[in-house]
N, C-alpha and C. Protein backbone atom coordinates (compact mmCIF):
# COMPACT_ATOMS: atom_id res chain seq x y z
N MET A 1 0.90 -1.35 -0.37
CA MET A 1 -0.08 0.19 0.03
C MET A 1 0.81 1.13 -0.16
N ALA A 2 0.31 2.02 -0.68
CA ALA A 2 1.27 3.64 -1.04
C ALA A 2 1.16 4.16 0.34
N LYS A 3 2.55 4.73 1.00
CA LYS A 3 2.22 5.61 1.99
C LYS A 3 1.29 6.61 2.30
N LYS A 4 0.89 7.66 1.26
CA LYS A 4 0.24 8.45 1.04
C LYS A 4 -1.21 8.08 1.63
N LYS A 5 -1.54 6.79 1.22
CA LYS A 5 -3.07 5.92 1.02
C LYS A 5 -2.72 5.45 2.76
N GLN A 6 -1.77 4.91 2.97
CA GLN A 6 -1.89 4.66 4.58
C GLN A 6 -1.81 5.82 5.60
N GLN A 7 -1.57 7.45 5.26
CA GLN A 7 -1.74 8.03 5.77
C GLN A 7 -3.48 8.44 5.94
N GLN A 8 -3.86 8.40 5.05
CA GLN A 8 -5.44 8.91 4.52
C GLN A 8 -6.14 8.01 5.49
N LEU A 9 -6.14 6.70 5.53
CA LEU A 9 -6.98 5.96 6.48
C LEU A 9 -7.56 6.49 8.05
N SER A 10 -8.71 5.72 7.95
CA SER A 10 -9.19 6.45 9.31
C SER A 10 -8.71 5.14 10.16
N THR A 11 -8.89 5.64 11.41
CA THR A 11 -8.57 4.59 12.24
C THR A 11 -9.43 3.22 12.39
N ALA A 12 -10.67 3.26 11.97
CA ALA A 12 -11.28 1.74 12.06
C ALA A 12 -10.84 1.18 10.71
N GLU A 13 -10.66 1.99 9.21
CA GLU A 13 -10.32 1.37 8.64
C GLU A 13 -8.69 0.73 8.70
N ALA A 14 -8.06 1.17 9.44
CA ALA A 14 -6.49 0.99 9.82
C ALA A 14 -6.84 -0.39 11.29
N HIS A 15 -7.56 -0.44 11.67
CA HIS A 15 -7.62 -1.34 12.54
C HIS A 15 -7.96 -2.69 11.65
N THR A 16 -8.77 -2.56 11.20
CA THR A 16 -9.40 -3.70 10.12
C THR A 16 -8.26 -4.15 8.93
N LEU A 17 -7.64 -3.39 8.20
CA LEU A 17 -6.22 -3.83 7.36
C LEU A 17 -5.51 -4.28 8.41
N ILE A 18 -5.18 -4.04 9.68
CA ILE A 18 -4.14 -4.61 10.59
C ILE A 18 -4.74 -6.32 10.84
N THR A 19 -5.76 -6.30 11.23
CA THR A 19 -6.65 -7.79 11.29
C THR A 19 -6.27 -8.47 10.73
N GLU A 20 -6.77 -8.18 9.24
CA GLU A 20 -6.09 -8.77 8.27
C GLU A 20 -4.96 -9.09 7.74
N LYS A 21 -4.29 -8.60 7.75
CA LYS A 21 -2.49 -8.75 7.70
C LYS A 21 -2.00 -9.75 8.91
N ARG A 22 -2.51 -9.66 9.79
CA ARG A 22 -2.13 -10.51 11.10
C ARG A 22 -2.73 -12.02 10.92
N ALA A 23 -4.18 -11.64 10.20
CA ALA A 23 -4.77 -13.53 9.71
C ALA A 23 -3.74 -13.65 8.71
N ALA A 24 -3.04 -12.78 7.76
CA ALA A 24 -2.35 -13.55 6.47
C ALA A 24 -1.11 -14.14 7.29
N LEU A 25 -0.42 -13.08 8.32
CA LEU A 25 0.64 -13.67 8.93
C LEU A 25 0.34 -14.69 9.44
N ARG A 26 -0.58 -14.90 10.14
CA ARG A 26 -1.10 -16.49 11.23
C ARG A 26 -1.14 -17.48 9.79
N GLU A 27 -1.48 -17.27 8.96
CA GLU A 27 -2.06 -18.48 7.73
C GLU A 27 -0.42 -18.46 7.09
N PHE A 28 0.42 -17.66 7.13
CA PHE A 28 1.81 -17.67 6.54
C PHE A 28 2.66 -18.94 7.61
N ARG A 29 2.42 -18.21 8.80
CA ARG A 29 2.97 -19.38 9.44
C ARG A 29 2.92 -21.14 9.65
N PHE A 30 1.66 -20.71 9.47
CA PHE A 30 0.78 -22.34 9.43
C PHE A 30 1.57 -23.09 8.11
N GLN A 31 1.55 -22.36 6.95
CA GLN A 31 2.04 -22.74 5.68
C GLN A 31 3.47 -23.00 6.01
N ILE A 32 4.52 -22.37 6.29
CA ILE A 32 5.55 -22.76 7.08
C ILE A 32 5.96 -23.91 7.72
N ASN A 33 4.76 -24.01 8.28
CA ASN A 33 5.18 -25.77 9.35
C ASN A 33 5.04 -26.94 8.67
N GLY A 34 4.04 -26.18 7.84
CA GLY A 34 3.69 -27.72 6.89
C GLY A 34 4.05 -27.54 5.42
N GLY A 35 5.47 -26.96 5.31
CA GLY A 35 6.38 -27.34 4.14
C GLY A 35 5.66 -26.44 2.96
N LYS A 36 4.42 -25.80 2.35
CA LYS A 36 4.09 -25.17 1.08
C LYS A 36 4.65 -23.97 1.17
N VAL A 37 5.67 -23.30 1.97
CA VAL A 37 5.50 -21.94 1.14
C VAL A 37 6.62 -21.78 0.61
N LYS A 38 6.69 -21.25 -0.97
CA LYS A 38 7.70 -21.20 -1.78
C LYS A 38 8.68 -19.85 -1.54
N ASN A 39 7.96 -18.64 -0.84
CA ASN A 39 8.50 -17.51 -0.84
C ASN A 39 8.55 -16.81 0.68
N MET A 40 9.36 -17.01 1.31
CA MET A 40 9.68 -16.65 2.59
C MET A 40 9.83 -15.28 2.96
N LYS A 41 9.91 -14.56 1.86
CA LYS A 41 10.08 -13.12 1.76
C LYS A 41 8.68 -12.60 2.14
N ALA A 42 7.61 -13.62 2.01
CA ALA A 42 6.17 -12.79 2.04
C ALA A 42 6.03 -12.19 3.23
N GLY A 43 6.03 -13.29 4.53
CA GLY A 43 6.51 -13.06 6.08
C GLY A 43 6.76 -11.90 6.36
N ARG A 44 8.84 -11.74 5.72
CA ARG A 44 8.99 -10.41 6.42
C ARG A 44 7.93 -8.86 5.87
N GLU A 45 7.41 -8.97 4.67
CA GLU A 45 6.70 -8.07 3.99
C GLU A 45 5.42 -7.69 4.85
N LEU A 46 4.58 -9.02 5.14
CA LEU A 46 3.98 -8.54 5.67
C LEU A 46 4.02 -8.17 7.28
N LYS A 47 5.07 -8.38 7.95
CA LYS A 47 5.03 -7.45 8.77
C LYS A 47 5.77 -6.31 9.19
N LYS A 48 6.41 -6.42 8.05
CA LYS A 48 6.83 -4.60 7.51
C LYS A 48 5.27 -4.04 7.50
N GLY A 49 4.43 -4.08 6.85
CA GLY A 49 2.85 -3.99 6.13
C GLY A 49 2.38 -3.08 7.82
N ILE A 50 2.38 -4.59 8.82
CA ILE A 50 1.42 -4.21 10.13
C ILE A 50 3.03 -3.00 10.44
N ALA A 51 3.56 -2.98 11.17
CA ALA A 51 4.56 -1.82 11.19
C ALA A 51 4.23 -0.55 11.09
N ARG A 52 4.14 -0.93 9.55
CA ARG A 52 4.24 0.67 9.17
C ARG A 52 3.04 1.50 9.40
N ILE A 53 2.08 0.53 9.51
CA ILE A 53 0.04 1.23 9.57
C ILE A 53 0.19 1.33 11.04
N LEU A 54 0.73 0.28 11.95
CA LEU A 54 0.91 1.26 13.63
C LEU A 54 1.72 2.05 13.62
N THR A 55 2.53 2.22 12.91
CA THR A 55 3.19 3.90 12.99
C THR A 55 2.35 5.03 12.51
N ASN A 56 1.79 4.86 11.44
CA ASN A 56 0.86 6.00 11.07
C ASN A 56 -0.08 6.10 11.71
N LEU A 57 -0.32 4.72 12.50
CA LEU A 57 -1.77 5.24 13.44
C LEU A 57 -1.11 5.78 14.54
N HIS A 58 -0.35 5.33 15.21
CA HIS A 58 -0.05 6.04 16.58
C HIS A 58 0.92 7.06 16.26
N ALA A 59 1.56 8.28 15.22
CA ALA A 59 2.18 8.96 14.53
C ALA A 59 1.52 10.34 15.60
N PRO A 60 0.43 10.69 15.33
CA PRO A 60 -0.33 11.78 15.89
C PRO A 60 -0.17 11.73 17.22
N LYS A 61 -0.47 10.84 17.97
CA LYS A 61 -0.15 10.36 19.59
C LYS A 61 1.14 11.09 19.90
N ALA A 62 1.91 10.32 19.42
CA ALA A 62 3.69 10.67 19.65
C ALA A 62 4.13 12.17 19.36
N ALA A 63 3.76 12.92 18.47
CA ALA A 63 3.46 14.31 18.27
C ALA A 63 3.04 15.71 19.28
N ILE A 64 2.10 14.80 20.06
CA ILE A 64 1.81 15.81 21.10
C ILE A 64 2.47 15.99 22.68
């Protein structure tokens, strides 16, 4: 997701996106244990995406 688009998300949209990405990460971890994953980089990208959204979500609070 583009940086500008992430910054324009409402709080509710950000929380739903985080929930979706965390579910995808959980599924990815199950697939690793099952030996079905070919692209190990996908898990890293999911974690970074979650961190970026959380950073944008909490940035206004940190500026105060």
